[in-house]
Amino acid sequence: MSRSVLVMDDNPEAAAALARVAAACGFRATVLTDSRAFSATFRALTPGAVILDVMMPDQDGIDVLREIAAVAPATPVLLVTGNGEVWARMARDIGGILGLSRVEMATKPVSRAAVDAFLAGVLSGQAPCAG
């Protein structure tokens, strides 16, 4: 599994914080704050995982899930939202319906432990990230 993660959140501070956690876990993090750039970036990077905000302007997380499902459905996705657990569960369920093999959720503010657990699972079998 690739040790790269694509972090997409329209809030630059949130995206940078998620990228810092990923880096502390040994992942190369690429940050996007404009969802319109997702398709080209995802195809060029072929990341090992995606951390994705559900609610964004222009193209929301559901649209992005469709793109991931069409191109690389085995890519693990961590959905994050500030709109409550119901939104996160709904998006996770849609990801499953679309054929994504692994979709997890976290509500904002996203805990370090949630990102650590997700990325440790991406590496399958490695201990949770330290730090």
N, C-alpha and C. Protein backbone atom coordinates (compact mmCIF):
# COMPACT_ATOMS: atom_id res chain seq x y z
N MET A 1 0.84 -1.18 0.00
CA MET A 1 0.00 0.00 0.00
C MET A 1 0.88 1.24 0.00
N SER A 2 0.52 2.19 -0.83
CA SER A 2 1.26 3.44 -0.94
C SER A 2 1.15 4.23 0.36
N ARG A 3 2.25 4.81 0.78
CA ARG A 3 2.25 5.65 1.98
C ARG A 3 1.97 7.10 1.61
N SER A 4 1.04 7.30 0.71
CA SER A 4 0.64 8.66 0.36
C SER A 4 -0.85 8.81 0.67
N VAL A 5 -1.20 10.01 1.07
CA VAL A 5 -2.60 10.30 1.37
C VAL A 5 -2.96 11.64 0.74
N LEU A 6 -4.13 11.68 0.13
CA LEU A 6 -4.65 12.92 -0.45
C LEU A 6 -5.66 13.47 0.54
N VAL A 7 -5.41 14.67 1.05
CA VAL A 7 -6.29 15.32 2.02
C VAL A 7 -7.04 16.44 1.31
N MET A 8 -8.36 16.37 1.33
CA MET A 8 -9.15 17.41 0.68
C MET A 8 -10.17 17.99 1.66
N ASP A 9 -10.01 19.27 1.92
CA ASP A 9 -10.92 20.02 2.78
C ASP A 9 -10.87 21.46 2.32
N ASP A 10 -12.03 22.09 2.17
CA ASP A 10 -12.05 23.47 1.70
C ASP A 10 -11.54 24.45 2.76
N ASN A 11 -11.38 23.99 3.99
CA ASN A 11 -10.82 24.81 5.06
C ASN A 11 -9.31 24.55 5.10
N PRO A 12 -8.50 25.52 4.69
CA PRO A 12 -7.05 25.29 4.62
C PRO A 12 -6.42 24.89 5.95
N GLU A 13 -6.91 25.45 7.06
CA GLU A 13 -6.35 25.11 8.37
C GLU A 13 -6.66 23.67 8.74
N ALA A 14 -7.89 23.24 8.48
CA ALA A 14 -8.27 21.85 8.77
C ALA A 14 -7.48 20.89 7.90
N ALA A 15 -7.34 21.22 6.61
CA ALA A 15 -6.58 20.36 5.70
C ALA A 15 -5.12 20.25 6.15
N ALA A 16 -4.52 21.36 6.54
CA ALA A 16 -3.13 21.35 6.99
C ALA A 16 -2.97 20.52 8.26
N ALA A 17 -3.92 20.63 9.18
CA ALA A 17 -3.85 19.86 10.43
C ALA A 17 -3.94 18.36 10.14
N LEU A 18 -4.85 17.96 9.25
CA LEU A 18 -4.97 16.55 8.88
C LEU A 18 -3.70 16.06 8.20
N ALA A 19 -3.12 16.90 7.36
CA ALA A 19 -1.87 16.53 6.67
C ALA A 19 -0.72 16.36 7.66
N ARG A 20 -0.67 17.20 8.69
CA ARG A 20 0.39 17.07 9.70
C ARG A 20 0.27 15.73 10.44
N VAL A 21 -0.95 15.33 10.76
CA VAL A 21 -1.15 14.04 11.43
C VAL A 21 -0.71 12.91 10.51
N ALA A 22 -1.09 13.00 9.25
CA ALA A 22 -0.68 11.97 8.29
C ALA A 22 0.84 11.89 8.18
N ALA A 23 1.49 13.03 8.14
CA ALA A 23 2.95 13.06 8.06
C ALA A 23 3.58 12.45 9.30
N ALA A 24 3.00 12.72 10.47
CA ALA A 24 3.51 12.13 11.71
C ALA A 24 3.36 10.61 11.71
N CYS A 25 2.44 10.10 10.91
CA CYS A 25 2.23 8.66 10.77
C CYS A 25 3.08 8.06 9.65
N GLY A 26 3.92 8.88 9.04
CA GLY A 26 4.81 8.39 8.01
C GLY A 26 4.24 8.42 6.60
N PHE A 27 3.18 9.19 6.40
CA PHE A 27 2.57 9.30 5.07
C PHE A 27 3.00 10.60 4.41
N ARG A 28 3.14 10.56 3.09
CA ARG A 28 3.32 11.76 2.29
C ARG A 28 1.93 12.32 2.05
N ALA A 29 1.69 13.51 2.50
CA ALA A 29 0.36 14.11 2.39
C ALA A 29 0.35 15.19 1.32
N THR A 30 -0.64 15.11 0.45
CA THR A 30 -0.90 16.16 -0.54
C THR A 30 -2.22 16.80 -0.15
N VAL A 31 -2.24 18.12 -0.07
CA VAL A 31 -3.43 18.85 0.37
C VAL A 31 -4.10 19.54 -0.81
N LEU A 32 -5.41 19.38 -0.88
CA LEU A 32 -6.24 20.12 -1.83
C LEU A 32 -7.29 20.89 -1.04
N THR A 33 -7.52 22.13 -1.42
CA THR A 33 -8.60 22.91 -0.81
C THR A 33 -9.68 23.26 -1.84
N ASP A 34 -9.44 22.91 -3.09
CA ASP A 34 -10.40 23.16 -4.16
C ASP A 34 -10.82 21.82 -4.75
N SER A 35 -12.06 21.45 -4.52
CA SER A 35 -12.53 20.13 -4.95
C SER A 35 -12.50 19.95 -6.46
N ARG A 36 -12.49 21.04 -7.21
CA ARG A 36 -12.45 20.93 -8.67
C ARG A 36 -11.13 20.34 -9.16
N ALA A 37 -10.11 20.38 -8.32
CA ALA A 37 -8.80 19.83 -8.70
C ALA A 37 -8.66 18.36 -8.32
N PHE A 38 -9.68 17.79 -7.70
CA PHE A 38 -9.55 16.43 -7.19
C PHE A 38 -9.26 15.41 -8.29
N SER A 39 -10.05 15.38 -9.32
CA SER A 39 -9.96 14.32 -10.32
C SER A 39 -8.56 14.20 -10.91
N ALA A 40 -8.02 15.29 -11.38
CA ALA A 40 -6.69 15.26 -12.00
C ALA A 40 -5.62 14.88 -10.97
N THR A 41 -5.74 15.42 -9.77
CA THR A 41 -4.74 15.14 -8.74
C THR A 41 -4.81 13.68 -8.30
N PHE A 42 -6.01 13.17 -8.10
CA PHE A 42 -6.18 11.78 -7.68
C PHE A 42 -5.60 10.83 -8.73
N ARG A 43 -5.90 11.08 -9.98
CA ARG A 43 -5.41 10.20 -11.05
C ARG A 43 -3.88 10.29 -11.18
N ALA A 44 -3.32 11.47 -10.97
CA ALA A 44 -1.87 11.62 -11.10
C ALA A 44 -1.12 11.00 -9.92
N LEU A 45 -1.68 11.12 -8.72
CA LEU A 45 -0.98 10.64 -7.52
C LEU A 45 -1.24 9.17 -7.20
N THR A 46 -2.41 8.69 -7.54
CA THR A 46 -2.88 7.37 -7.10
C THR A 46 -2.51 7.13 -5.62
N PRO A 47 -3.09 7.92 -4.73
CA PRO A 47 -2.74 7.83 -3.31
C PRO A 47 -3.19 6.52 -2.68
N GLY A 48 -2.53 6.17 -1.59
CA GLY A 48 -2.90 4.98 -0.84
C GLY A 48 -4.14 5.17 -0.01
N ALA A 49 -4.54 6.43 0.23
CA ALA A 49 -5.73 6.74 1.02
C ALA A 49 -6.17 8.16 0.72
N VAL A 50 -7.43 8.45 1.07
CA VAL A 50 -7.98 9.80 0.91
C VAL A 50 -8.66 10.18 2.21
N ILE A 51 -8.40 11.40 2.67
CA ILE A 51 -9.14 12.00 3.78
C ILE A 51 -9.94 13.13 3.17
N LEU A 52 -11.27 13.05 3.31
CA LEU A 52 -12.16 13.85 2.49
C LEU A 52 -13.25 14.54 3.32
N ASP A 53 -13.34 15.85 3.18
CA ASP A 53 -14.44 16.61 3.78
C ASP A 53 -15.71 16.32 2.97
N VAL A 54 -16.82 16.13 3.66
CA VAL A 54 -18.07 15.80 2.97
C VAL A 54 -18.69 17.03 2.32
N MET A 55 -18.75 18.14 3.02
CA MET A 55 -19.42 19.34 2.52
C MET A 55 -18.41 20.36 2.05
N MET A 56 -18.39 20.58 0.73
CA MET A 56 -17.48 21.55 0.13
C MET A 56 -18.21 22.28 -0.99
N PRO A 57 -17.77 23.49 -1.31
CA PRO A 57 -18.38 24.17 -2.45
C PRO A 57 -17.95 23.52 -3.77
N ASP A 58 -18.66 23.77 -4.80
CA ASP A 58 -18.36 23.31 -6.16
C ASP A 58 -18.60 21.82 -6.37
N GLN A 59 -17.89 20.98 -5.67
CA GLN A 59 -18.04 19.53 -5.80
C GLN A 59 -18.00 18.96 -4.39
N ASP A 60 -19.11 18.34 -3.94
CA ASP A 60 -19.12 17.86 -2.57
C ASP A 60 -18.49 16.47 -2.46
N GLY A 61 -18.39 15.98 -1.23
CA GLY A 61 -17.74 14.71 -0.97
C GLY A 61 -18.40 13.53 -1.65
N ILE A 62 -19.71 13.58 -1.85
CA ILE A 62 -20.41 12.49 -2.52
C ILE A 62 -19.96 12.41 -3.98
N ASP A 63 -19.82 13.55 -4.63
CA ASP A 63 -19.30 13.57 -6.01
C ASP A 63 -17.89 12.98 -6.06
N VAL A 64 -17.09 13.33 -5.08
CA VAL A 64 -15.72 12.82 -5.03
C VAL A 64 -15.72 11.31 -4.79
N LEU A 65 -16.62 10.83 -3.93
CA LEU A 65 -16.72 9.38 -3.71
C LEU A 65 -17.04 8.65 -5.02
N ARG A 66 -17.91 9.24 -5.82
CA ARG A 66 -18.23 8.65 -7.13
C ARG A 66 -16.98 8.53 -8.00
N GLU A 67 -16.17 9.58 -7.98
CA GLU A 67 -14.93 9.58 -8.76
C GLU A 67 -13.98 8.50 -8.27
N ILE A 68 -13.81 8.39 -6.96
CA ILE A 68 -12.92 7.37 -6.41
C ILE A 68 -13.43 5.98 -6.78
N ALA A 69 -14.74 5.76 -6.65
CA ALA A 69 -15.34 4.46 -6.97
C ALA A 69 -15.12 4.09 -8.43
N ALA A 70 -15.17 5.08 -9.31
CA ALA A 70 -15.01 4.81 -10.75
C ALA A 70 -13.56 4.51 -11.12
N VAL A 71 -12.62 5.12 -10.41
CA VAL A 71 -11.21 5.03 -10.78
C VAL A 71 -10.45 3.98 -9.96
N ALA A 72 -10.65 3.98 -8.64
CA ALA A 72 -9.87 3.11 -7.75
C ALA A 72 -10.69 2.76 -6.51
N PRO A 73 -11.68 1.87 -6.65
CA PRO A 73 -12.60 1.58 -5.55
C PRO A 73 -11.95 0.93 -4.33
N ALA A 74 -10.74 0.44 -4.44
CA ALA A 74 -10.06 -0.15 -3.28
C ALA A 74 -9.38 0.90 -2.41
N THR A 75 -9.39 2.16 -2.84
CA THR A 75 -8.75 3.24 -2.07
C THR A 75 -9.51 3.48 -0.78
N PRO A 76 -8.86 3.35 0.39
CA PRO A 76 -9.53 3.66 1.66
C PRO A 76 -9.83 5.15 1.76
N VAL A 77 -11.01 5.47 2.30
CA VAL A 77 -11.43 6.87 2.43
C VAL A 77 -11.88 7.12 3.87
N LEU A 78 -11.38 8.21 4.45
CA LEU A 78 -11.88 8.71 5.73
C LEU A 78 -12.68 9.96 5.44
N LEU A 79 -13.98 9.89 5.68
CA LEU A 79 -14.87 11.04 5.48
C LEU A 79 -14.92 11.86 6.76
N VAL A 80 -14.78 13.17 6.63
CA VAL A 80 -14.88 14.06 7.79
C VAL A 80 -15.95 15.11 7.51
N THR A 81 -16.70 15.46 8.55
CA THR A 81 -17.72 16.49 8.39
C THR A 81 -17.95 17.22 9.69
N GLY A 82 -18.27 18.47 9.56
CA GLY A 82 -18.65 19.29 10.70
C GLY A 82 -20.16 19.36 10.84
N ASN A 83 -20.88 18.60 10.02
CA ASN A 83 -22.35 18.66 10.02
C ASN A 83 -23.00 17.51 10.78
N GLY A 84 -22.25 16.85 11.61
CA GLY A 84 -22.82 15.82 12.46
C GLY A 84 -22.66 14.41 11.93
N GLU A 85 -22.87 13.49 12.84
CA GLU A 85 -22.66 12.09 12.54
C GLU A 85 -23.63 11.54 11.50
N VAL A 86 -24.83 12.09 11.42
CA VAL A 86 -25.81 11.60 10.44
C VAL A 86 -25.28 11.81 9.03
N TRP A 87 -24.72 12.99 8.74
CA TRP A 87 -24.15 13.26 7.43
C TRP A 87 -22.99 12.31 7.13
N ALA A 88 -22.15 12.11 8.13
CA ALA A 88 -20.99 11.24 7.92
C ALA A 88 -21.44 9.80 7.64
N ARG A 89 -22.42 9.31 8.40
CA ARG A 89 -22.92 7.95 8.17
C ARG A 89 -23.56 7.82 6.79
N MET A 90 -24.32 8.84 6.40
CA MET A 90 -24.97 8.80 5.10
C MET A 90 -23.92 8.73 3.98
N ALA A 91 -22.90 9.56 4.07
CA ALA A 91 -21.85 9.56 3.06
C ALA A 91 -21.10 8.22 3.05
N ARG A 92 -20.83 7.67 4.23
CA ARG A 92 -20.16 6.37 4.31
C ARG A 92 -21.00 5.29 3.65
N ASP A 93 -22.31 5.30 3.91
CA ASP A 93 -23.20 4.31 3.31
C ASP A 93 -23.25 4.46 1.79
N ILE A 94 -23.26 5.68 1.31
CA ILE A 94 -23.24 5.92 -0.14
C ILE A 94 -21.95 5.38 -0.74
N GLY A 95 -20.83 5.57 -0.05
CA GLY A 95 -19.56 5.02 -0.52
C GLY A 95 -19.63 3.52 -0.68
N GLY A 96 -20.26 2.85 0.28
CA GLY A 96 -20.43 1.40 0.18
C GLY A 96 -21.31 1.01 -0.99
N ILE A 97 -22.38 1.74 -1.19
CA ILE A 97 -23.28 1.47 -2.31
C ILE A 97 -22.55 1.65 -3.64
N LEU A 98 -21.66 2.62 -3.70
CA LEU A 98 -20.90 2.89 -4.92
C LEU A 98 -19.83 1.82 -5.18
N GLY A 99 -19.57 0.99 -4.19
CA GLY A 99 -18.60 -0.08 -4.38
C GLY A 99 -17.23 0.17 -3.77
N LEU A 100 -17.10 1.22 -2.99
CA LEU A 100 -15.82 1.46 -2.32
C LEU A 100 -15.62 0.39 -1.25
N SER A 101 -14.41 -0.12 -1.16
CA SER A 101 -14.17 -1.24 -0.25
C SER A 101 -13.98 -0.81 1.20
N ARG A 102 -13.54 0.42 1.44
CA ARG A 102 -13.31 0.86 2.81
C ARG A 102 -13.60 2.35 2.95
N VAL A 103 -14.67 2.66 3.66
CA VAL A 103 -15.04 4.05 3.92
C VAL A 103 -15.30 4.17 5.42
N GLU A 104 -14.56 5.05 6.07
CA GLU A 104 -14.75 5.31 7.49
C GLU A 104 -15.19 6.75 7.67
N MET A 105 -15.61 7.11 8.87
CA MET A 105 -16.11 8.46 9.10
C MET A 105 -15.57 9.02 10.40
N ALA A 106 -15.53 10.35 10.45
CA ALA A 106 -15.17 11.07 11.66
C ALA A 106 -15.85 12.43 11.61
N THR A 107 -16.27 12.91 12.77
CA THR A 107 -16.88 14.23 12.82
C THR A 107 -15.85 15.25 13.30
N LYS A 108 -16.00 16.47 12.80
CA LYS A 108 -15.11 17.55 13.18
C LYS A 108 -15.52 18.09 14.55
N PRO A 109 -14.59 18.51 15.34
CA PRO A 109 -13.16 18.44 15.08
C PRO A 109 -12.68 17.00 15.12
N VAL A 110 -11.91 16.60 14.11
CA VAL A 110 -11.44 15.23 13.98
C VAL A 110 -10.32 14.99 15.00
N SER A 111 -10.45 13.93 15.77
CA SER A 111 -9.42 13.63 16.76
C SER A 111 -8.20 13.01 16.10
N ARG A 112 -7.08 13.25 16.71
CA ARG A 112 -5.82 12.64 16.25
C ARG A 112 -5.97 11.12 16.26
N ALA A 113 -6.64 10.59 17.28
CA ALA A 113 -6.81 9.14 17.40
C ALA A 113 -7.58 8.56 16.22
N ALA A 114 -8.59 9.28 15.72
CA ALA A 114 -9.37 8.80 14.59
C ALA A 114 -8.52 8.71 13.33
N VAL A 115 -7.70 9.72 13.09
CA VAL A 115 -6.82 9.71 11.91
C VAL A 115 -5.75 8.63 12.07
N ASP A 116 -5.17 8.53 13.27
CA ASP A 116 -4.17 7.50 13.53
C ASP A 116 -4.73 6.11 13.25
N ALA A 117 -5.92 5.84 13.76
CA ALA A 117 -6.53 4.52 13.60
C ALA A 117 -6.82 4.23 12.13
N PHE A 118 -7.32 5.23 11.41
CA PHE A 118 -7.59 5.05 9.99
C PHE A 118 -6.32 4.72 9.23
N LEU A 119 -5.27 5.51 9.44
CA LEU A 119 -4.02 5.30 8.71
C LEU A 119 -3.33 4.01 9.12
N ALA A 120 -3.43 3.64 10.39
CA ALA A 120 -2.87 2.36 10.82
C ALA A 120 -3.59 1.22 10.11
N GLY A 121 -4.89 1.36 9.95
CA GLY A 121 -5.66 0.35 9.22
C GLY A 121 -5.27 0.30 7.75
N VAL A 122 -4.95 1.45 7.18
CA VAL A 122 -4.50 1.50 5.79
C VAL A 122 -3.24 0.66 5.62
N LEU A 123 -2.38 0.75 6.59
CA LEU A 123 -1.14 -0.02 6.54
C LEU A 123 -1.36 -1.49 6.91
N SER A 124 -2.56 -1.82 7.31
CA SER A 124 -3.00 -3.17 7.68
C SER A 124 -1.98 -3.98 8.47
N GLY A 125 -2.25 -3.95 9.74
CA GLY A 125 -1.45 -4.77 10.62
C GLY A 125 -0.38 -4.03 11.38
N GLN A 126 -0.04 -2.83 10.98
CA GLN A 126 0.95 -2.08 11.73
C GLN A 126 0.31 -1.44 12.94
N ALA A 127 1.11 -1.21 13.95
CA ALA A 127 0.63 -0.59 15.19
C ALA A 127 0.14 0.82 14.91
N PRO A 128 -0.77 1.35 15.75
CA PRO A 128 -1.21 2.73 15.59
C PRO A 128 -0.02 3.68 15.57
N CYS A 129 -0.19 4.77 14.87
CA CYS A 129 0.88 5.76 14.73
C CYS A 129 1.25 6.31 16.09
N ALA A 130 2.52 6.54 16.32
CA ALA A 130 2.99 7.11 17.59
C ALA A 130 3.05 8.62 17.46
N GLY A 131 3.08 9.29 18.59
CA GLY A 131 3.31 10.72 18.55
C GLY A 131 2.21 11.42 19.12
